[in-house]
Amino acid sequence: MNDDEPYLSEEDKELRAQLSQLLQEHADLDASIEALALLPAPDQLMIARLKRKKLALRDDIVKLQDRILPDIIA
């Protein structure tokens, strides 16, 4: 057994995989918003929808991060 790597339960591995997926989706949305904003006539409604979706994803990311690393008061 390698002592350098902490033991991760199956639930932790699943949460980390889900977090990674959400972070990638968040980055993709950010890139899409930037690309739309650079168009000569950007679709403001679409940009607003993507920004709302990005904010919702950010909330989900924070919740997952809190589950992975709970706030422990010592």
PDB file of N, CA and C in Angstrom:
ATOM      1  N   MET A   1       0.853  -1.178   0.000  1.00  0.00           N
ATOM      2  CA  MET A   1       0.000   0.000   0.000  1.00  0.00           C
ATOM      3  C   MET A   1       0.895   1.236   0.000  1.00  0.00           C
ATOM      4  N   ASN A   2       0.492   2.231  -0.742  1.00  0.00           N
ATOM      5  CA  ASN A   2       1.250   3.473  -0.821  1.00  0.00           C
ATOM      6  C   ASN A   2       0.715   4.443   0.225  1.00  0.00           C
ATOM      7  N   ASP A   3       1.569   4.848   1.161  1.00  0.00           N
ATOM      8  CA  ASP A   3       1.138   5.753   2.238  1.00  0.00           C
ATOM      9  C   ASP A   3       1.057   7.203   1.795  1.00  0.00           C
ATOM     10  N   ASP A   4       1.577   7.516   0.602  1.00  0.00           N
ATOM     11  CA  ASP A   4       1.548   8.888   0.113  1.00  0.00           C
ATOM     12  C   ASP A   4       0.154   9.314  -0.344  1.00  0.00           C
ATOM     13  N   GLU A   5      -0.661   8.364  -0.770  1.00  0.00           N
ATOM     14  CA  GLU A   5      -1.994   8.673  -1.262  1.00  0.00           C
ATOM     15  C   GLU A   5      -3.029   8.344  -0.185  1.00  0.00           C
ATOM     16  N   PRO A   6      -3.907   9.299   0.121  1.00  0.00           N
ATOM     17  CA  PRO A   6      -4.935   9.012   1.126  1.00  0.00           C
ATOM     18  C   PRO A   6      -5.949   8.007   0.589  1.00  0.00           C
ATOM     19  N   TYR A   7      -6.529   7.245   1.486  1.00  0.00           N
ATOM     20  CA  TYR A   7      -7.558   6.282   1.102  1.00  0.00           C
ATOM     21  C   TYR A   7      -8.821   7.038   0.713  1.00  0.00           C
ATOM     22  N   LEU A   8      -9.365   6.700  -0.438  1.00  0.00           N
ATOM     23  CA  LEU A   8     -10.603   7.314  -0.899  1.00  0.00           C
ATOM     24  C   LEU A   8     -11.663   6.228  -1.025  1.00  0.00           C
ATOM     25  N   SER A   9     -12.784   6.457  -0.389  1.00  0.00           N
ATOM     26  CA  SER A   9     -13.883   5.504  -0.502  1.00  0.00           C
ATOM     27  C   SER A   9     -14.488   5.625  -1.903  1.00  0.00           C
ATOM     28  N   GLU A  10     -15.328   4.681  -2.227  1.00  0.00           N
ATOM     29  CA  GLU A  10     -15.999   4.717  -3.533  1.00  0.00           C
ATOM     30  C   GLU A  10     -16.847   5.977  -3.661  1.00  0.00           C
ATOM     31  N   GLU A  11     -17.467   6.376  -2.562  1.00  0.00           N
ATOM     32  CA  GLU A  11     -18.288   7.589  -2.588  1.00  0.00           C
ATOM     33  C   GLU A  11     -17.418   8.819  -2.862  1.00  0.00           C
ATOM     34  N   ASP A  12     -16.244   8.887  -2.231  1.00  0.00           N
ATOM     35  CA  ASP A  12     -15.331  10.006  -2.455  1.00  0.00           C
ATOM     36  C   ASP A  12     -14.866  10.048  -3.909  1.00  0.00           C
ATOM     37  N   LYS A  13     -14.548   8.882  -4.450  1.00  0.00           N
ATOM     38  CA  LYS A  13     -14.107   8.819  -5.846  1.00  0.00           C
ATOM     39  C   LYS A  13     -15.220   9.290  -6.777  1.00  0.00           C
ATOM     40  N   GLU A  14     -16.441   8.865  -6.478  1.00  0.00           N
ATOM     41  CA  GLU A  14     -17.583   9.265  -7.294  1.00  0.00           C
ATOM     42  C   GLU A  14     -17.826  10.773  -7.197  1.00  0.00           C
ATOM     43  N   LEU A  15     -17.719  11.313  -5.978  1.00  0.00           N
ATOM     44  CA  LEU A  15     -17.919  12.753  -5.794  1.00  0.00           C
ATOM     45  C   LEU A  15     -16.842  13.549  -6.530  1.00  0.00           C
ATOM     46  N   ARG A  16     -15.611  13.074  -6.474  1.00  0.00           N
ATOM     47  CA  ARG A  16     -14.526  13.768  -7.172  1.00  0.00           C
ATOM     48  C   ARG A  16     -14.701  13.704  -8.686  1.00  0.00           C
ATOM     49  N   ALA A  17     -15.175  12.582  -9.186  1.00  0.00           N
ATOM     50  CA  ALA A  17     -15.422  12.462 -10.626  1.00  0.00           C
ATOM     51  C   ALA A  17     -16.549  13.405 -11.048  1.00  0.00           C
ATOM     52  N   GLN A  18     -17.583  13.462 -10.230  1.00  0.00           N
ATOM     53  CA  GLN A  18     -18.705  14.357 -10.514  1.00  0.00           C
ATOM     54  C   GLN A  18     -18.249  15.819 -10.456  1.00  0.00           C
ATOM     55  N   LEU A  19     -17.416  16.139  -9.489  1.00  0.00           N
ATOM     56  CA  LEU A  19     -16.889  17.494  -9.368  1.00  0.00           C
ATOM     57  C   LEU A  19     -16.058  17.861 -10.593  1.00  0.00           C
ATOM     58  N   SER A  20     -15.225  16.949 -11.033  1.00  0.00           N
ATOM     59  CA  SER A  20     -14.400  17.187 -12.209  1.00  0.00           C
ATOM     60  C   SER A  20     -15.265  17.453 -13.439  1.00  0.00           C
ATOM     61  N   GLN A  21     -16.343  16.683 -13.572  1.00  0.00           N
ATOM     62  CA  GLN A  21     -17.254  16.861 -14.699  1.00  0.00           C
ATOM     63  C   GLN A  21     -17.934  18.238 -14.638  1.00  0.00           C
ATOM     64  N   LEU A  22     -18.374  18.637 -13.455  1.00  0.00           N
ATOM     65  CA  LEU A  22     -19.025  19.938 -13.301  1.00  0.00           C
ATOM     66  C   LEU A  22     -18.052  21.089 -13.569  1.00  0.00           C
ATOM     67  N   LEU A  23     -16.817  20.939 -13.116  1.00  0.00           N
ATOM     68  CA  LEU A  23     -15.809  21.975 -13.369  1.00  0.00           C
ATOM     69  C   LEU A  23     -15.539  22.118 -14.866  1.00  0.00           C
ATOM     70  N   GLN A  24     -15.503  20.996 -15.574  1.00  0.00           N
ATOM     71  CA  GLN A  24     -15.288  21.041 -17.023  1.00  0.00           C
ATOM     72  C   GLN A  24     -16.466  21.702 -17.723  1.00  0.00           C
ATOM     73  N   GLU A  25     -17.676  21.350 -17.307  1.00  0.00           N
ATOM     74  CA  GLU A  25     -18.871  21.952 -17.892  1.00  0.00           C
ATOM     75  C   GLU A  25     -18.905  23.466 -17.624  1.00  0.00           C
ATOM     76  N   HIS A  26     -18.487  23.862 -16.422  1.00  0.00           N
ATOM     77  CA  HIS A  26     -18.428  25.281 -16.056  1.00  0.00           C
ATOM     78  C   HIS A  26     -17.434  26.014 -16.963  1.00  0.00           C
ATOM     79  N   ALA A  27     -16.283  25.419 -17.192  1.00  0.00           N
ATOM     80  CA  ALA A  27     -15.271  26.025 -18.061  1.00  0.00           C
ATOM     81  C   ALA A  27     -15.768  26.108 -19.505  1.00  0.00           C
ATOM     82  N   ASP A  28     -16.474  25.072 -19.951  1.00  0.00           N
ATOM     83  CA  ASP A  28     -17.030  25.077 -21.306  1.00  0.00           C
ATOM     84  C   ASP A  28     -18.059  26.189 -21.476  1.00  0.00           C
ATOM     85  N   LEU A  29     -18.899  26.370 -20.464  1.00  0.00           N
ATOM     86  CA  LEU A  29     -19.884  27.448 -20.521  1.00  0.00           C
ATOM     87  C   LEU A  29     -19.194  28.810 -20.559  1.00  0.00           C
ATOM     88  N   ASP A  30     -18.150  28.953 -19.788  1.00  0.00           N
ATOM     89  CA  ASP A  30     -17.399  30.206 -19.769  1.00  0.00           C
ATOM     90  C   ASP A  30     -16.838  30.508 -21.158  1.00  0.00           C
ATOM     91  N   ALA A  31     -16.278  29.495 -21.806  1.00  0.00           N
ATOM     92  CA  ALA A  31     -15.732  29.667 -23.151  1.00  0.00           C
ATOM     93  C   ALA A  31     -16.836  30.009 -24.152  1.00  0.00           C
ATOM     94  N   SER A  32     -17.990  29.377 -24.002  1.00  0.00           N
ATOM     95  CA  SER A  32     -19.115  29.660 -24.898  1.00  0.00           C
ATOM     96  C   SER A  32     -19.603  31.095 -24.734  1.00  0.00           C
ATOM     97  N   ILE A  33     -19.683  31.546 -23.492  1.00  0.00           N
ATOM     98  CA  ILE A  33     -20.129  32.916 -23.222  1.00  0.00           C
ATOM     99  C   ILE A  33     -19.151  33.915 -23.842  1.00  0.00           C
ATOM    100  N   GLU A  34     -17.861  33.663 -23.678  1.00  0.00           N
ATOM    101  CA  GLU A  34     -16.858  34.555 -24.249  1.00  0.00           C
ATOM    102  C   GLU A  34     -16.949  34.582 -25.769  1.00  0.00           C
ATOM    103  N   ALA A  35     -17.136  33.409 -26.378  1.00  0.00           N
ATOM    104  CA  ALA A  35     -17.224  33.334 -27.832  1.00  0.00           C
ATOM    105  C   ALA A  35     -18.461  34.076 -28.342  1.00  0.00           C
ATOM    106  N   LEU A  36     -19.586  33.915 -27.671  1.00  0.00           N
ATOM    107  CA  LEU A  36     -20.806  34.614 -28.081  1.00  0.00           C
ATOM    108  C   LEU A  36     -20.658  36.124 -27.928  1.00  0.00           C
ATOM    109  N   ALA A  37     -19.974  36.554 -26.884  1.00  0.00           N
ATOM    110  CA  ALA A  37     -19.801  37.982 -26.645  1.00  0.00           C
ATOM    111  C   ALA A  37     -18.935  38.634 -27.724  1.00  0.00           C
ATOM    112  N   LEU A  38     -18.076  37.860 -28.369  1.00  0.00           N
ATOM    113  CA  LEU A  38     -17.194  38.399 -29.395  1.00  0.00           C
ATOM    114  C   LEU A  38     -17.849  38.529 -30.768  1.00  0.00           C
ATOM    115  N   LEU A  39     -19.038  37.963 -30.927  1.00  0.00           N
ATOM    116  CA  LEU A  39     -19.737  38.063 -32.205  1.00  0.00           C
ATOM    117  C   LEU A  39     -20.123  39.510 -32.491  1.00  0.00           C
ATOM    118  N   PRO A  40     -20.229  39.863 -33.783  1.00  0.00           N
ATOM    119  CA  PRO A  40     -20.609  41.234 -34.129  1.00  0.00           C
ATOM    120  C   PRO A  40     -21.965  41.651 -33.538  1.00  0.00           C
ATOM    121  N   ALA A  41     -22.920  40.727 -33.518  1.00  0.00           N
ATOM    122  CA  ALA A  41     -24.230  40.998 -32.925  1.00  0.00           C
ATOM    123  C   ALA A  41     -24.535  39.876 -31.936  1.00  0.00           C
ATOM    124  N   PRO A  42     -23.976  39.974 -30.717  1.00  0.00           N
ATOM    125  CA  PRO A  42     -24.151  38.874 -29.753  1.00  0.00           C
ATOM    126  C   PRO A  42     -25.608  38.719 -29.319  1.00  0.00           C
ATOM    127  N   ASP A  43     -26.010  37.472 -29.148  1.00  0.00           N
ATOM    128  CA  ASP A  43     -27.363  37.141 -28.687  1.00  0.00           C
ATOM    129  C   ASP A  43     -27.388  37.296 -27.164  1.00  0.00           C
ATOM    130  N   GLN A  44     -27.869  38.444 -26.710  1.00  0.00           N
ATOM    131  CA  GLN A  44     -27.854  38.754 -25.276  1.00  0.00           C
ATOM    132  C   GLN A  44     -28.727  37.802 -24.467  1.00  0.00           C
ATOM    133  N   LEU A  45     -29.824  37.339 -25.055  1.00  0.00           N
ATOM    134  CA  LEU A  45     -30.704  36.406 -24.352  1.00  0.00           C
ATOM    135  C   LEU A  45     -29.982  35.071 -24.117  1.00  0.00           C
ATOM    136  N   MET A  46     -29.291  34.594 -25.139  1.00  0.00           N
ATOM    137  CA  MET A  46     -28.556  33.332 -25.011  1.00  0.00           C
ATOM    138  C   MET A  46     -27.427  33.486 -24.000  1.00  0.00           C
ATOM    139  N   ILE A  47     -26.731  34.614 -24.032  1.00  0.00           N
ATOM    140  CA  ILE A  47     -25.647  34.853 -23.079  1.00  0.00           C
ATOM    141  C   ILE A  47     -26.196  34.862 -21.650  1.00  0.00           C
ATOM    142  N   ALA A  48     -27.334  35.508 -21.448  1.00  0.00           N
ATOM    143  CA  ALA A  48     -27.946  35.555 -20.114  1.00  0.00           C
ATOM    144  C   ALA A  48     -28.328  34.160 -19.636  1.00  0.00           C
ATOM    145  N   ARG A  49     -28.870  33.342 -20.539  1.00  0.00           N
ATOM    146  CA  ARG A  49     -29.244  31.965 -20.172  1.00  0.00           C
ATOM    147  C   ARG A  49     -28.007  31.149 -19.784  1.00  0.00           C
ATOM    148  N   LEU A  50     -26.957  31.303 -20.571  1.00  0.00           N
ATOM    149  CA  LEU A  50     -25.731  30.561 -20.266  1.00  0.00           C
ATOM    150  C   LEU A  50     -25.120  31.014 -18.944  1.00  0.00           C
ATOM    151  N   LYS A  51     -25.197  32.308 -18.665  1.00  0.00           N
ATOM    152  CA  LYS A  51     -24.668  32.814 -17.391  1.00  0.00           C
ATOM    153  C   LYS A  51     -25.469  32.277 -16.216  1.00  0.00           C
ATOM    154  N   ARG A  52     -26.800  32.177 -16.355  1.00  0.00           N
ATOM    155  CA  ARG A  52     -27.620  31.599 -15.279  1.00  0.00           C
ATOM    156  C   ARG A  52     -27.270  30.138 -15.059  1.00  0.00           C
ATOM    157  N   LYS A  53     -27.073  29.418 -16.169  1.00  0.00           N
ATOM    158  CA  LYS A  53     -26.706  28.005 -16.053  1.00  0.00           C
ATOM    159  C   LYS A  53     -25.329  27.873 -15.387  1.00  0.00           C
ATOM    160  N   LYS A  54     -24.420  28.774 -15.740  1.00  0.00           N
ATOM    161  CA  LYS A  54     -23.078  28.762 -15.155  1.00  0.00           C
ATOM    162  C   LYS A  54     -23.142  29.019 -13.645  1.00  0.00           C
ATOM    163  N   LEU A  55     -23.995  29.954 -13.225  1.00  0.00           N
ATOM    164  CA  LEU A  55     -24.161  30.225 -11.798  1.00  0.00           C
ATOM    165  C   LEU A  55     -24.748  29.024 -11.056  1.00  0.00           C
ATOM    166  N   ALA A  56     -25.710  28.364 -11.680  1.00  0.00           N
ATOM    167  CA  ALA A  56     -26.302  27.166 -11.061  1.00  0.00           C
ATOM    168  C   ALA A  56     -25.246  26.071 -10.924  1.00  0.00           C
ATOM    169  N   LEU A  57     -24.414  25.921 -11.948  1.00  0.00           N
ATOM    170  CA  LEU A  57     -23.332  24.943 -11.876  1.00  0.00           C
ATOM    171  C   LEU A  57     -22.363  25.289 -10.753  1.00  0.00           C
ATOM    172  N   ARG A  58     -22.076  26.577 -10.606  1.00  0.00           N
ATOM    173  CA  ARG A  58     -21.159  27.017  -9.550  1.00  0.00           C
ATOM    174  C   ARG A  58     -21.712  26.638  -8.173  1.00  0.00           C
ATOM    175  N   ASP A  59     -23.029  26.801  -7.993  1.00  0.00           N
ATOM    176  CA  ASP A  59     -23.651  26.402  -6.732  1.00  0.00           C
ATOM    177  C   ASP A  59     -23.487  24.898  -6.490  1.00  0.00           C
ATOM    178  N   ASP A  60     -23.696  24.102  -7.548  1.00  0.00           N
ATOM    179  CA  ASP A  60     -23.531  22.652  -7.421  1.00  0.00           C
ATOM    180  C   ASP A  60     -22.082  22.290  -7.103  1.00  0.00           C
ATOM    181  N   ILE A  61     -21.150  23.003  -7.715  1.00  0.00           N
ATOM    182  CA  ILE A  61     -19.722  22.755  -7.469  1.00  0.00           C
ATOM    183  C   ILE A  61     -19.387  23.027  -6.007  1.00  0.00           C
ATOM    184  N   VAL A  62     -19.877  24.130  -5.478  1.00  0.00           N
ATOM    185  CA  VAL A  62     -19.601  24.485  -4.077  1.00  0.00           C
ATOM    186  C   VAL A  62     -20.189  23.434  -3.133  1.00  0.00           C
ATOM    187  N   LYS A  63     -21.397  22.962  -3.430  1.00  0.00           N
ATOM    188  CA  LYS A  63     -22.019  21.930  -2.591  1.00  0.00           C
ATOM    189  C   LYS A  63     -21.186  20.654  -2.592  1.00  0.00           C
ATOM    190  N   LEU A  64     -20.712  20.255  -3.778  1.00  0.00           N
ATOM    191  CA  LEU A  64     -19.889  19.047  -3.862  1.00  0.00           C
ATOM    192  C   LEU A  64     -18.564  19.232  -3.131  1.00  0.00           C
ATOM    193  N   GLN A  65     -17.959  20.396  -3.282  1.00  0.00           N
ATOM    194  CA  GLN A  65     -16.701  20.660  -2.588  1.00  0.00           C
ATOM    195  C   GLN A  65     -16.901  20.599  -1.069  1.00  0.00           C
ATOM    196  N   ASP A  66     -18.030  21.076  -0.595  1.00  0.00           N
ATOM    197  CA  ASP A  66     -18.328  21.017   0.847  1.00  0.00           C
ATOM    198  C   ASP A  66     -18.515  19.573   1.304  1.00  0.00           C
ATOM    199  N   ARG A  67     -19.076  18.729   0.450  1.00  0.00           N
ATOM    200  CA  ARG A  67     -19.237  17.318   0.810  1.00  0.00           C
ATOM    201  C   ARG A  67     -17.899  16.597   0.843  1.00  0.00           C
ATOM    202  N   ILE A  68     -17.008  16.975  -0.072  1.00  0.00           N
ATOM    203  CA  ILE A  68     -15.702  16.323  -0.141  1.00  0.00           C
ATOM    204  C   ILE A  68     -14.819  16.789   1.021  1.00  0.00           C
ATOM    205  N   LEU A  69     -14.800  18.097   1.284  1.00  0.00           N
ATOM    206  CA  LEU A  69     -13.995  18.653   2.354  1.00  0.00           C
ATOM    207  C   LEU A  69     -14.912  19.388   3.327  1.00  0.00           C
ATOM    208  N   PRO A  70     -15.525  18.677   4.258  1.00  0.00           N
ATOM    209  CA  PRO A  70     -16.442  19.341   5.185  1.00  0.00           C
ATOM    210  C   PRO A  70     -15.702  20.328   6.090  1.00  0.00           C
ATOM    211  N   ASP A  71     -16.421  21.362   6.483  1.00  0.00           N
ATOM    212  CA  ASP A  71     -15.871  22.396   7.367  1.00  0.00           C
ATOM    213  C   ASP A  71     -15.842  21.851   8.787  1.00  0.00           C
ATOM    214  N   ILE A  72     -14.649  21.481   9.245  1.00  0.00           N
ATOM    215  CA  ILE A  72     -14.504  20.898  10.578  1.00  0.00           C
ATOM    216  C   ILE A  72     -13.939  21.966  11.523  1.00  0.00           C
ATOM    217  N   ILE A  73     -14.658  22.233  12.572  1.00  0.00           N
ATOM    218  CA  ILE A  73     -14.194  23.188  13.564  1.00  0.00           C
ATOM    219  C   ILE A  73     -13.515  22.390  14.674  1.00  0.00           C
ATOM    220  N   ALA A  74     -12.233  22.670  14.866  1.00  0.00           N
ATOM    221  CA  ALA A  74     -11.486  21.904  15.885  1.00  0.00           C
ATOM    222  C   ALA A  74     -11.440  22.648  17.188  1.00  0.00           C
TER     223      ALA A  74
END
